[in-house]
């Protein structure tokens, strides 16, 4: 028998948005015993034939997080200085999100959406609006980032990587086939 979810009001609003728009792209997990009432919405973003694990963290705080694992285990002892410089350059260029390496060396893209108050009726639109920005960034930069991380070419500046990506014929990103 399936357990009834008793999620926080922000998570409920996002779930209602997904259900109301027939967007079944997410698995939903409540974090039991969490003081913030965290609910994790799990999915993937597709780019360059890769499925990038994606989560939306919704809790009782004024923040909602979107996190995408861009590349697992991509920071190594051999490339550490080079990739840290590359990611720092990207972070200086792009305002709405930040890239960083977690403790396992995976490249992570994080963004935080401020959601104050009690009216969460626009939360789904805000999250999907941010996904448009993140997907656009990945569409323009994923191939360049991966080539640099795996040592296939010298590090371009953020401006050069954006220019190169706009000239590239990368396949169109979709968010689990449901983000238009």
Protein backbone atom coordinates (compact mmCIF):
# COMPACT_ATOMS: atom_id res chain seq x y z
CA UNK A 1 0.00 0.00 0.00
CA UNK A 2 1.40 3.42 -0.99
CA UNK A 3 2.02 5.82 1.88
CA UNK A 4 0.23 9.18 1.71
CA UNK A 5 2.65 12.09 1.37
CA UNK A 6 2.34 14.84 3.99
CA UNK A 7 4.66 17.43 2.47
CA UNK A 8 5.30 21.08 3.23
CA UNK A 9 3.09 23.67 1.54
CA UNK A 10 5.79 24.80 -0.92
CA UNK A 11 6.43 21.23 -2.03
CA UNK A 12 2.70 20.63 -2.30
CA UNK A 13 2.38 23.71 -4.53
CA UNK A 14 5.18 22.45 -6.81
CA UNK A 15 3.64 18.96 -6.93
CA UNK A 16 0.27 20.52 -7.83
CA UNK A 17 1.96 22.49 -10.63
CA UNK A 18 3.53 19.29 -11.98
CA UNK A 19 0.25 17.37 -11.75
CA UNK A 20 -1.77 20.25 -13.23
CA UNK A 21 0.55 20.50 -16.22
CA UNK A 22 0.87 16.72 -16.67
CA UNK A 23 4.62 16.88 -15.99
CA UNK A 24 5.51 13.43 -14.65
CA UNK A 25 9.26 13.97 -14.87
CA UNK A 26 9.97 13.79 -11.13
CA UNK A 27 10.20 11.11 -8.48
CA UNK A 28 9.23 12.59 -5.11
CA UNK A 29 10.93 11.73 -1.82
CA UNK A 30 10.17 13.25 1.56
CA UNK A 31 13.13 13.35 3.93
CA UNK A 32 11.78 11.71 7.07
CA UNK A 33 12.57 13.42 10.35
CA UNK A 34 13.97 16.51 8.65
CA UNK A 35 13.27 19.65 10.71
CA UNK A 36 12.92 21.75 7.53
CA UNK A 37 10.36 19.36 5.99
CA UNK A 38 12.56 18.78 2.95
CA UNK A 39 11.06 17.16 -0.13
CA UNK A 40 13.35 16.05 -2.96
CA UNK A 41 12.06 16.04 -6.53
CA UNK A 42 14.44 13.85 -8.63
CA UNK A 43 14.78 13.82 -12.40
CA UNK A 44 17.38 14.19 -15.19
CA UNK A 45 18.40 16.78 -17.73
CA UNK A 46 19.51 15.37 -21.10
CA UNK A 47 22.44 16.85 -22.99
CA UNK A 48 24.96 15.49 -25.47
CA UNK A 49 23.53 12.01 -24.97
CA UNK A 50 24.07 12.20 -21.21
CA UNK A 51 21.43 12.07 -18.47
CA UNK A 52 22.48 14.58 -15.80
CA UNK A 53 20.96 13.75 -12.39
CA UNK A 54 18.85 16.67 -11.22
CA UNK A 55 17.10 17.45 -7.96
CA UNK A 56 14.83 20.21 -6.76
CA UNK A 57 15.05 20.62 -2.97
CA UNK A 58 11.92 22.18 -1.48
CA UNK A 59 11.65 22.82 2.25
CA UNK A 60 10.09 25.17 4.80
CA UNK A 61 12.84 27.78 4.44
CA UNK A 62 12.59 30.76 2.07
CA UNK A 63 14.89 28.94 -0.38
CA UNK A 64 14.33 26.33 -3.07
CA UNK A 65 17.41 24.72 -4.60
CA UNK A 66 17.95 23.25 -8.05
CA UNK A 67 21.03 21.03 -8.29
CA UNK A 68 22.39 19.31 -11.40
CA UNK A 69 25.30 16.88 -11.34
CA UNK A 70 27.07 17.97 -14.51
CA UNK A 71 29.91 15.45 -14.45
CA UNK A 72 30.70 12.82 -11.80
CA UNK A 73 34.29 12.43 -10.62
CA UNK A 74 35.61 15.04 -13.03
CA UNK A 75 38.13 16.79 -10.76
CA UNK A 76 41.30 14.73 -10.44
CA UNK A 77 44.77 15.37 -9.04
CA UNK A 78 46.02 15.73 -12.61
CA UNK A 79 43.51 18.37 -13.72
CA UNK A 80 42.58 20.07 -10.44
CA UNK A 81 44.22 23.46 -10.98
CA UNK A 82 43.10 23.67 -14.59
CA UNK A 83 39.43 22.80 -13.90
CA UNK A 84 39.24 25.00 -10.80
CA UNK A 85 40.38 27.93 -12.91
CA UNK A 86 37.84 27.07 -15.60
CA UNK A 87 34.97 26.84 -13.10
CA UNK A 88 36.05 30.03 -11.35
CA UNK A 89 35.99 31.82 -14.72
CA UNK A 90 32.48 30.48 -15.38
CA UNK A 91 31.32 31.61 -11.92
CA UNK A 92 32.62 35.12 -12.53
CA UNK A 93 30.58 35.26 -15.74
CA UNK A 94 27.22 33.70 -14.83
CA UNK A 95 25.08 35.25 -12.08
CA UNK A 96 22.02 33.02 -11.60
CA UNK A 97 23.90 29.87 -10.57
CA UNK A 98 27.26 28.57 -9.45
CA UNK A 99 29.40 25.63 -10.44
CA UNK A 100 31.56 23.81 -7.90
CA UNK A 101 33.17 20.45 -7.21
CA UNK A 102 31.80 18.32 -4.39
CA UNK A 103 33.98 16.19 -2.09
CA UNK A 104 34.01 13.34 -4.63
CA UNK A 105 35.20 15.63 -7.44
CA UNK A 106 31.84 15.77 -9.23
CA UNK A 107 31.01 19.00 -11.04
CA UNK A 108 27.75 20.40 -9.60
CA UNK A 109 25.60 23.27 -10.86
CA UNK A 110 23.50 24.90 -8.10
CA UNK A 111 20.95 27.65 -8.10
CA UNK A 112 18.84 29.01 -5.30
CA UNK A 113 15.40 30.51 -5.77
CA UNK A 114 14.13 32.88 -3.08
CA UNK A 115 10.52 32.02 -2.22
CA UNK A 116 9.35 34.18 0.71
CA UNK A 117 5.80 34.47 2.03
CA UNK A 118 2.89 32.09 1.95
CA UNK A 119 1.71 32.35 -1.68
CA UNK A 120 3.45 29.63 -3.68
CA UNK A 121 1.07 29.68 -6.64
CA UNK A 122 3.87 30.78 -9.03
CA UNK A 123 6.55 28.44 -7.68
CA UNK A 124 6.25 25.91 -10.51
CA UNK A 125 6.59 28.66 -13.12
CA UNK A 126 9.60 30.08 -11.29
CA UNK A 127 11.32 26.69 -11.08
CA UNK A 128 10.65 25.88 -14.73
CA UNK A 129 11.76 29.39 -15.71
CA UNK A 130 15.07 28.75 -13.96
CA UNK A 131 15.33 25.38 -15.71
CA UNK A 132 15.10 27.25 -19.03
CA UNK A 133 18.14 29.33 -18.00
CA UNK A 134 20.10 26.30 -16.73
CA UNK A 135 19.34 24.24 -19.81
CA UNK A 136 20.34 27.12 -22.08
CA UNK A 137 23.66 27.38 -20.23
CA UNK A 138 24.27 23.63 -20.52
CA UNK A 139 23.29 23.66 -24.18
CA UNK A 140 25.90 26.34 -24.86
CA UNK A 141 28.67 25.13 -22.54
CA UNK A 142 28.47 21.40 -21.74
CA UNK A 143 30.64 20.17 -24.61
CA UNK A 144 33.28 22.85 -24.02
CA UNK A 145 33.37 22.12 -20.27
CA UNK A 146 33.72 18.37 -20.81
CA UNK A 147 36.51 18.77 -23.36
CA UNK A 148 38.40 20.93 -20.91
CA UNK A 149 37.77 18.67 -17.92
CA UNK A 150 38.88 15.57 -19.81
CA UNK A 151 41.95 17.38 -21.23
CA UNK A 152 40.97 17.48 -24.89
CA UNK A 153 41.69 21.19 -25.46
CA UNK A 154 43.13 24.26 -23.72
CA UNK A 155 40.87 26.20 -21.37
CA UNK A 156 38.82 28.88 -23.11
CA UNK A 157 37.57 31.93 -21.29
CA UNK A 158 33.86 32.02 -20.42
CA UNK A 159 33.28 34.38 -23.35
CA UNK A 160 35.11 32.07 -25.76
CA UNK A 161 33.21 29.01 -24.51
CA UNK A 162 29.87 30.77 -25.01
CA UNK A 163 30.87 31.92 -28.51
CA UNK A 164 32.12 28.46 -29.45
CA UNK A 165 28.96 26.81 -28.14
CA UNK A 166 26.69 29.17 -30.06
CA UNK A 167 28.47 28.15 -33.26
CA UNK A 168 28.28 24.46 -32.33
CA UNK A 169 25.39 22.31 -33.51
CA UNK A 170 24.72 20.62 -30.14
CA UNK A 171 21.59 18.55 -29.85
CA UNK A 172 18.68 20.31 -28.22
CA UNK A 173 18.36 19.75 -24.48
CA UNK A 174 15.13 18.53 -23.11
CA UNK A 175 14.08 18.19 -19.53
CA UNK A 176 12.90 14.58 -19.53
CA UNK A 177 10.94 15.30 -22.69
CA UNK A 178 8.55 17.63 -20.92
CA UNK A 179 10.19 21.06 -20.91
CA UNK A 180 9.37 23.03 -24.00
